[in-house]
């Protein structure tokens, strides 16, 4: 019996161990990603302490933290948070429904593509944030124009990605379903929509980012509540600390929603890694 033969089981046993070590390393968060953000905050604090950044231009991180604690304690931040997330939730639901339905119609049918795609592409080129005055004339100054602005911003990215995902489905898969005797509904449910899912999730991430951007603008026009109103009201009193608190909350909400979609994407597309 040779030495190499004796050593083979040891190498075979060490393989699972190495795989488990690699998996455990992947689960450990990479703390190096926090180096640059912490360095920026430190430089920001130093610049404020030394007078390079005056308080009326930008408050220090410590002052911003104190303002956030104060707003949370009085309940203003919590109320604004609830109002803003409600607006985004309603607007996103409406816009996502419109974008997905139009994308499916234009992607599945040649006539649907002829009828739906040209007007959508024309509307997509418009600066939709410039439609605020028109929305105010149409819907008034209540919640409707803000929700409509979010819905419009959400619809376009989802439409483009759903439409592209359906149109780019492999023709061989469609031919295989025809040979197997699939009905149109079965082909849609079992082949077309799953194949378009990666593009749809990309559109979902893009539309969530646009949703928060639309809300920021919409809440600063004729708003009496929400994070945008909090920021706009703080501007009147030169409260840069409150402005930064509102922006940080917006950024945190965007990151959280994006992380949720990425988690859904990893679970829904687990079959792609197999």
Protein backbone atom coordinates (compact mmCIF):
# COMPACT_ATOMS: atom_id res chain seq x y z
CA UNK A 1 0.00 0.00 0.00
CA UNK A 2 1.52 3.36 -1.06
CA UNK A 3 1.81 6.55 0.96
CA UNK A 4 -0.43 8.43 -1.48
CA UNK A 5 -3.19 5.87 -0.99
CA UNK A 6 -2.98 6.24 2.76
CA UNK A 7 -3.21 10.03 2.49
CA UNK A 8 -6.29 10.06 0.22
CA UNK A 9 -8.95 9.63 2.94
CA UNK A 10 -7.38 12.43 4.96
CA UNK A 11 -7.67 14.81 2.02
CA UNK A 12 -11.23 13.67 1.37
CA UNK A 13 -12.15 14.32 5.00
CA UNK A 14 -10.51 17.74 4.95
CA UNK A 15 -12.55 18.87 1.93
CA UNK A 16 -15.86 19.29 3.83
CA UNK A 17 -13.99 21.06 6.60
CA UNK A 18 -12.53 23.57 4.14
CA UNK A 19 -15.97 24.15 2.65
CA UNK A 20 -17.46 24.77 6.09
CA UNK A 21 -14.66 27.21 6.88
CA UNK A 22 -15.36 29.12 3.66
CA UNK A 23 -19.09 29.23 4.44
CA UNK A 24 -18.44 30.47 7.96
CA UNK A 25 -16.18 33.19 6.59
CA UNK A 26 -18.94 34.32 4.26
CA UNK A 27 -21.31 34.69 7.19
CA UNK A 28 -18.91 36.97 9.06
CA UNK A 29 -19.59 40.60 8.07
CA UNK A 30 -16.65 42.39 6.48
CA UNK A 31 -15.87 45.18 8.93
CA UNK A 32 -13.57 46.83 6.41
CA UNK A 33 -16.65 48.22 4.67
CA UNK A 34 -17.19 50.47 7.69
CA UNK A 35 -13.74 52.08 7.55
CA UNK A 36 -14.52 54.78 4.99
CA UNK A 37 -17.97 55.75 6.42
CA UNK A 38 -16.53 56.07 9.93
CA UNK A 39 -13.59 58.06 8.58
CA UNK A 40 -15.98 60.45 6.81
CA UNK A 41 -18.00 60.95 10.01
CA UNK A 42 -14.79 61.58 11.99
CA UNK A 43 -13.55 64.14 9.46
CA UNK A 44 -16.99 65.74 9.47
CA UNK A 45 -16.91 66.08 13.28
CA UNK A 46 -13.36 67.49 13.21
CA UNK A 47 -14.31 70.02 10.52
CA UNK A 48 -17.24 71.21 12.64
CA UNK A 49 -15.17 71.38 15.83
CA UNK A 50 -12.43 73.42 14.14
CA UNK A 51 -14.86 75.84 12.51
CA UNK A 52 -14.20 74.74 8.94
CA UNK A 53 -17.90 73.85 8.71
CA UNK A 54 -19.98 76.52 10.49
CA UNK A 55 -23.18 75.33 12.25
CA UNK A 56 -25.44 77.33 9.93
CA UNK A 57 -24.03 75.40 6.95
CA UNK A 58 -23.82 71.89 8.40
CA UNK A 59 -24.25 70.69 11.98
CA UNK A 60 -21.81 68.24 13.52
CA UNK A 61 -22.62 64.52 13.74
CA UNK A 62 -22.96 64.81 17.51
CA UNK A 63 -25.47 67.65 17.14
CA UNK A 64 -27.37 65.66 14.52
CA UNK A 65 -27.51 62.67 16.87
CA UNK A 66 -28.86 64.85 19.69
CA UNK A 67 -31.48 66.34 17.35
CA UNK A 68 -32.55 62.85 16.29
CA UNK A 69 -32.94 61.75 19.91
CA UNK A 70 -34.94 64.90 20.66
CA UNK A 71 -37.26 64.40 17.68
CA UNK A 72 -37.75 60.75 18.57
CA UNK A 73 -38.54 61.70 22.16
CA UNK A 74 -41.19 64.26 21.19
CA UNK A 75 -42.76 61.84 18.71
CA UNK A 76 -42.28 64.12 15.69
CA UNK A 77 -39.86 61.75 13.99
CA UNK A 78 -42.08 58.72 14.57
CA UNK A 79 -45.16 60.48 13.19
CA UNK A 80 -43.26 61.69 10.12
CA UNK A 81 -41.86 58.19 9.60
CA UNK A 82 -45.32 56.59 9.63
CA UNK A 83 -46.77 59.16 7.23
CA UNK A 84 -43.91 58.86 4.73
CA UNK A 85 -43.79 55.06 4.74
CA UNK A 86 -47.57 54.94 4.26
CA UNK A 87 -47.32 57.20 1.23
CA UNK A 88 -44.53 55.12 -0.27
CA UNK A 89 -46.39 51.89 0.44
CA UNK A 90 -49.59 53.02 -1.28
CA UNK A 91 -47.79 54.68 -4.19
CA UNK A 92 -45.49 51.71 -4.67
CA UNK A 93 -48.39 49.26 -4.68
CA UNK A 94 -50.28 51.24 -7.33
CA UNK A 95 -47.21 51.87 -9.48
CA UNK A 96 -45.99 48.27 -9.24
CA UNK A 97 -49.38 46.93 -10.29
CA UNK A 98 -49.53 49.28 -13.29
CA UNK A 99 -45.94 48.61 -14.35
CA UNK A 100 -46.15 44.82 -14.06
CA UNK A 101 -49.52 44.55 -15.84
CA UNK A 102 -48.43 46.81 -18.72
CA UNK A 103 -45.11 44.96 -18.97
CA UNK A 104 -46.87 41.59 -19.21
CA UNK A 105 -49.36 42.87 -21.81
CA UNK A 106 -46.63 44.44 -23.96
CA UNK A 107 -44.30 41.49 -23.54
CA UNK A 108 -46.73 38.68 -24.33
CA UNK A 109 -48.61 40.13 -27.28
CA UNK A 110 -47.34 41.72 -30.47
CA UNK A 111 -50.39 43.96 -30.62
CA UNK A 112 -49.96 44.72 -26.93
CA UNK A 113 -46.40 45.80 -27.65
CA UNK A 114 -47.57 48.04 -30.51
CA UNK A 115 -50.29 49.65 -28.41
CA UNK A 116 -48.62 49.93 -24.99
CA UNK A 117 -44.89 50.39 -25.55
CA UNK A 118 -44.85 53.63 -27.66
CA UNK A 119 -46.90 55.78 -25.23
CA UNK A 120 -45.05 54.37 -22.22
CA UNK A 121 -41.69 55.15 -23.82
CA UNK A 122 -42.89 58.69 -24.59
CA UNK A 123 -44.08 59.26 -21.02
CA UNK A 124 -40.87 57.76 -19.65
CA UNK A 125 -38.79 60.53 -21.23
CA UNK A 126 -40.75 63.23 -19.41
CA UNK A 127 -39.17 64.68 -16.24
CA UNK A 128 -41.88 63.28 -14.00
CA UNK A 129 -40.85 65.49 -11.08
CA UNK A 130 -41.83 68.44 -13.27
CA UNK A 131 -45.39 67.11 -13.32
CA UNK A 132 -46.00 68.22 -9.72
CA UNK A 133 -47.85 71.45 -10.70
CA UNK A 134 -50.08 69.46 -13.06
CA UNK A 135 -50.75 66.83 -10.38
CA UNK A 136 -51.73 69.56 -7.93
CA UNK A 137 -54.23 70.92 -10.47
CA UNK A 138 -55.61 67.44 -11.07
CA UNK A 139 -55.63 66.00 -7.55
CA UNK A 140 -55.49 69.04 -5.26
CA UNK A 141 -52.99 69.55 -2.44
CA UNK A 142 -53.82 66.50 -0.32
CA UNK A 143 -52.26 63.06 -0.33
CA UNK A 144 -53.21 62.23 -3.92
CA UNK A 145 -50.46 64.16 -5.79
CA UNK A 146 -47.73 62.73 -3.57
CA UNK A 147 -48.97 59.17 -4.00
CA UNK A 148 -49.45 59.70 -7.75
CA UNK A 149 -45.88 60.98 -8.06
CA UNK A 150 -44.51 57.90 -6.30
CA UNK A 151 -46.69 55.59 -8.39
CA UNK A 152 -45.54 57.19 -11.64
CA UNK A 153 -41.89 56.92 -10.67
CA UNK A 154 -42.30 53.26 -9.68
CA UNK A 155 -44.22 52.16 -12.79
CA UNK A 156 -41.56 52.88 -15.42
CA UNK A 157 -38.60 50.83 -14.09
CA UNK A 158 -40.85 47.85 -13.42
CA UNK A 159 -42.49 48.08 -16.84
CA UNK A 160 -39.14 48.21 -18.65
CA UNK A 161 -37.68 45.25 -16.78
CA UNK A 162 -40.79 43.06 -16.94
CA UNK A 163 -41.20 43.81 -20.64
CA UNK A 164 -37.52 43.08 -21.33
CA UNK A 165 -37.57 39.89 -19.26
CA UNK A 166 -40.57 38.48 -21.11
CA UNK A 167 -39.32 39.45 -24.57
CA UNK A 168 -35.95 37.82 -23.89
CA UNK A 169 -37.30 34.42 -22.83
CA UNK A 170 -35.42 31.64 -24.62
CA UNK A 171 -37.32 30.60 -27.76
CA UNK A 172 -36.25 26.99 -27.24
CA UNK A 173 -38.14 26.92 -23.94
CA UNK A 174 -41.28 28.21 -25.62
CA UNK A 175 -40.95 25.63 -28.39
CA UNK A 176 -40.50 22.89 -25.80
CA UNK A 177 -43.72 23.89 -24.02
CA UNK A 178 -45.55 23.81 -27.35
CA UNK A 179 -44.24 20.32 -28.05
CA UNK A 180 -45.31 19.20 -24.57
CA UNK A 181 -48.83 20.49 -25.16
CA UNK A 182 -48.80 23.33 -22.60
CA UNK A 183 -51.73 25.71 -22.73
CA UNK A 184 -51.08 29.45 -22.97
CA UNK A 185 -51.76 29.87 -19.26
CA UNK A 186 -49.45 26.98 -18.31
CA UNK A 187 -46.71 28.39 -20.53
CA UNK A 188 -47.09 31.78 -18.86
CA UNK A 189 -47.09 30.43 -15.30
CA UNK A 190 -44.42 27.74 -15.59
CA UNK A 191 -41.99 29.22 -18.14
CA UNK A 192 -42.43 32.87 -19.09
CA UNK A 193 -42.95 34.48 -15.68
CA UNK A 194 -40.20 32.46 -13.91
CA UNK A 195 -37.79 33.31 -16.74
CA UNK A 196 -38.67 37.01 -16.39
CA UNK A 197 -38.33 36.96 -12.58
CA UNK A 198 -34.64 38.07 -12.46
CA UNK A 199 -35.41 41.16 -14.55
CA UNK A 200 -38.51 41.84 -12.49
CA UNK A 201 -36.53 41.83 -9.24
CA UNK A 202 -33.97 44.21 -10.77
CA UNK A 203 -36.83 46.52 -11.68
CA UNK A 204 -38.18 46.19 -8.15
CA UNK A 205 -34.90 47.42 -6.67
CA UNK A 206 -34.72 50.31 -9.12
CA UNK A 207 -38.33 51.33 -8.54
CA UNK A 208 -37.89 51.39 -4.75
CA UNK A 209 -35.01 53.84 -5.11
CA UNK A 210 -37.11 56.04 -7.40
CA UNK A 211 -40.03 55.81 -4.95
CA UNK A 212 -38.06 57.40 -2.12
CA UNK A 213 -36.65 60.05 -4.47
CA UNK A 214 -40.17 60.92 -5.64
CA UNK A 215 -41.41 61.12 -2.07
CA UNK A 216 -38.64 63.51 -1.02
CA UNK A 217 -39.68 65.95 -3.72
CA UNK A 218 -43.41 65.43 -3.29
CA UNK A 219 -43.37 65.95 0.48
CA UNK A 220 -41.66 69.33 0.17
CA UNK A 221 -44.51 70.76 -1.92
CA UNK A 222 -47.71 71.66 -0.05
CA UNK A 223 -47.13 69.05 2.65
CA UNK A 224 -48.15 69.36 6.29
CA UNK A 225 -46.64 66.09 7.52
CA UNK A 226 -43.98 63.54 6.69
CA UNK A 227 -40.20 63.53 6.58
CA UNK A 228 -40.10 65.95 3.65
CA UNK A 229 -42.24 68.42 5.57
CA UNK A 230 -39.94 68.02 8.58
CA UNK A 231 -36.93 68.86 6.40
CA UNK A 232 -38.65 71.80 4.70
CA UNK A 233 -39.83 73.21 8.02
CA UNK A 234 -36.32 72.91 9.47
CA UNK A 235 -34.96 74.87 6.49
CA UNK A 236 -37.13 77.82 7.46
CA UNK A 237 -35.44 77.94 10.88
CA UNK A 238 -31.91 77.09 9.63
CA UNK A 239 -31.96 73.81 11.59
CA UNK A 240 -29.37 71.92 9.57
CA UNK A 241 -29.26 69.24 12.26
CA UNK A 242 -32.94 68.39 11.71
CA UNK A 243 -32.44 68.46 7.94
CA UNK A 244 -29.63 65.92 8.20
CA UNK A 245 -31.74 63.74 10.53
CA UNK A 246 -34.47 63.61 7.90
CA UNK A 247 -31.99 62.78 5.15
CA UNK A 248 -30.42 60.03 7.25
CA UNK A 249 -33.84 58.47 7.86
CA UNK A 250 -34.59 58.62 4.12
CA UNK A 251 -31.26 56.93 3.37
CA UNK A 252 -31.84 54.28 6.04
CA UNK A 253 -35.29 53.49 4.67
CA UNK A 254 -33.86 53.15 1.17
CA UNK A 255 -31.12 50.81 2.38
CA UNK A 256 -33.54 48.67 4.40
CA UNK A 257 -36.00 48.26 1.53
CA UNK A 258 -33.16 47.45 -0.87
CA UNK A 259 -31.79 44.86 1.56
CA UNK A 260 -35.23 43.24 1.81
CA UNK A 261 -35.48 42.97 -1.99
CA UNK A 262 -31.96 41.51 -2.19
CA UNK A 263 -32.94 38.92 0.41
CA UNK A 264 -36.04 38.02 -1.58
CA UNK A 265 -33.91 37.89 -4.73
CA UNK A 266 -31.44 35.45 -3.17
CA UNK A 267 -34.22 33.15 -2.00
CA UNK A 268 -36.36 33.39 -5.14
CA UNK A 269 -33.41 32.85 -7.48
CA UNK A 270 -31.71 30.15 -5.45
CA UNK A 271 -32.21 27.76 -8.38
CA UNK A 272 -29.82 29.84 -10.51
CA UNK A 273 -26.88 29.04 -8.22
CA UNK A 274 -27.65 25.32 -8.24
